[in-house]
Protein backbone atom coordinates (compact mmCIF):
# COMPACT_ATOMS: atom_id res chain seq x y z
CA ARG A 1 0.00 0.00 0.00
CA LEU A 2 2.81 2.42 0.79
CA GLY A 3 4.81 1.68 -2.34
CA PHE A 4 8.50 2.35 -2.01
CA LEU A 5 7.89 4.21 1.27
CA GLY A 6 7.01 0.88 2.88
CA GLU A 7 10.35 -0.61 1.86
CA PRO A 8 12.08 0.01 5.22
CA TYR A 9 9.46 -2.21 6.87
CA GLN A 10 10.44 -5.13 4.65
CA VAL A 11 14.25 -5.06 4.42
CA GLY A 12 17.09 -5.21 6.90
CA ARG A 13 16.65 -5.43 10.64
CA ALA A 14 13.17 -3.90 10.54
CA GLY A 15 12.02 -6.48 7.99
CA ARG A 16 13.27 -9.35 10.13
CA LEU A 17 11.58 -7.94 13.21
CA MET A 18 8.29 -7.37 11.40
CA ARG A 19 8.29 -10.93 9.99
CA ALA A 20 9.05 -12.32 13.44
CA ALA A 21 6.22 -10.21 14.86
CA ARG A 22 3.75 -11.65 12.36
CA VAL A 23 4.81 -15.22 13.12
CA LEU A 24 4.78 -14.73 16.90
CA THR A 25 1.43 -12.94 16.92
CA ALA A 26 -0.25 -15.48 14.66
CA GLY A 27 1.26 -18.39 16.58
CA GLY A 28 0.33 -16.92 19.94
CA GLY A 29 -3.22 -16.22 18.80
CA LEU A 30 -3.65 -19.68 17.37
CA LEU A 31 -2.22 -21.25 20.50
CA ALA A 32 -4.59 -19.19 22.65
CA VAL A 33 -7.53 -20.58 20.71
CA VAL A 34 -6.49 -24.23 21.01
CA ALA A 35 -4.96 -24.07 24.51
CA GLY A 36 -8.27 -24.45 26.28
CA ARG A 37 -7.76 -24.55 30.05
CA SER A 38 -4.09 -25.55 29.93
CA ARG A 39 -2.21 -23.11 32.09
CA ALA A 40 1.18 -23.86 30.50
CA LEU A 41 -0.09 -23.41 26.93
CA ASN A 42 -1.84 -20.19 27.87
CA ALA A 43 1.41 -18.91 29.40
CA VAL A 44 3.35 -19.77 26.24
CA SER A 45 0.63 -18.11 24.18
CA GLY A 46 0.88 -14.96 26.27
CA LEU A 47 4.65 -14.92 25.95
CA ALA A 48 4.42 -15.31 22.17
CA LEU A 49 1.89 -12.49 21.91
CA THR A 50 4.04 -10.24 24.10
CA ALA A 51 7.15 -11.05 22.06
CA GLY A 52 5.20 -10.30 18.87
CA SER A 53 4.17 -6.96 20.27
CA LEU A 54 7.76 -6.11 21.19
CA CYS A 55 9.02 -7.15 17.77
CA THR A 56 6.41 -4.91 16.14
CA ARG A 57 7.43 -1.98 18.31
CA PHE A 58 11.14 -2.37 17.66
CA GLY A 59 10.54 -3.14 13.97
CA ILE A 60 8.69 0.13 13.50
CA LEU A 61 11.45 1.96 15.37
CA ALA A 62 14.13 0.35 13.18
CA ALA A 63 12.19 1.18 10.01
CA GLY A 64 11.89 4.81 11.11
CA ARG A 65 15.61 5.00 11.71
CA ALA A 66 16.36 3.39 8.35
CA SER A 67 14.07 5.77 6.48
CA ALA A 68 15.52 8.78 8.31
CA ALA A 69 19.06 7.69 7.42
CA ASP A 70 18.29 7.32 3.70
CA PRO A 71 17.41 10.62 1.97
CA LYS A 72 15.54 8.69 -0.74
CA TYR A 73 12.53 8.38 1.56
CA THR A 74 12.41 12.13 2.18
CA VAL A 75 13.64 13.77 -1.01
CA VAL A 76 11.76 11.72 -3.60
CA PRO A 77 8.26 12.31 -2.13
CA GLN A 78 9.04 16.01 -1.72
CA ARG A 79 10.11 16.29 -5.35
CA ARG A 80 6.99 14.44 -6.48
CA ARG A 81 4.77 16.85 -4.56
CA LEU A 82 6.62 19.83 -6.04
CA ASP A 83 6.25 18.41 -9.56
CA GLU A 84 2.53 17.80 -9.01
CA ALA A 85 2.03 21.32 -7.66
CA SER A 86 3.73 22.91 -10.69
């Protein structure tokens, strides 16, 4: 949806963290559904969901740092807006 602006979310450290977040969140959610009344499985599910949340948070932070370090993500959209305005 974001086009090339979404690239920092998919490559490098941020990409790895975001993929891990998806896997952990989906796995934790699925485990929560099938765990039933098992206390151990519910604890593992909660840990997976928490780890997924942390990976999402740090993935977004890493993507922000990557996009701030690369002028392509700032200059190109600005130039496009200037070209459209002219």
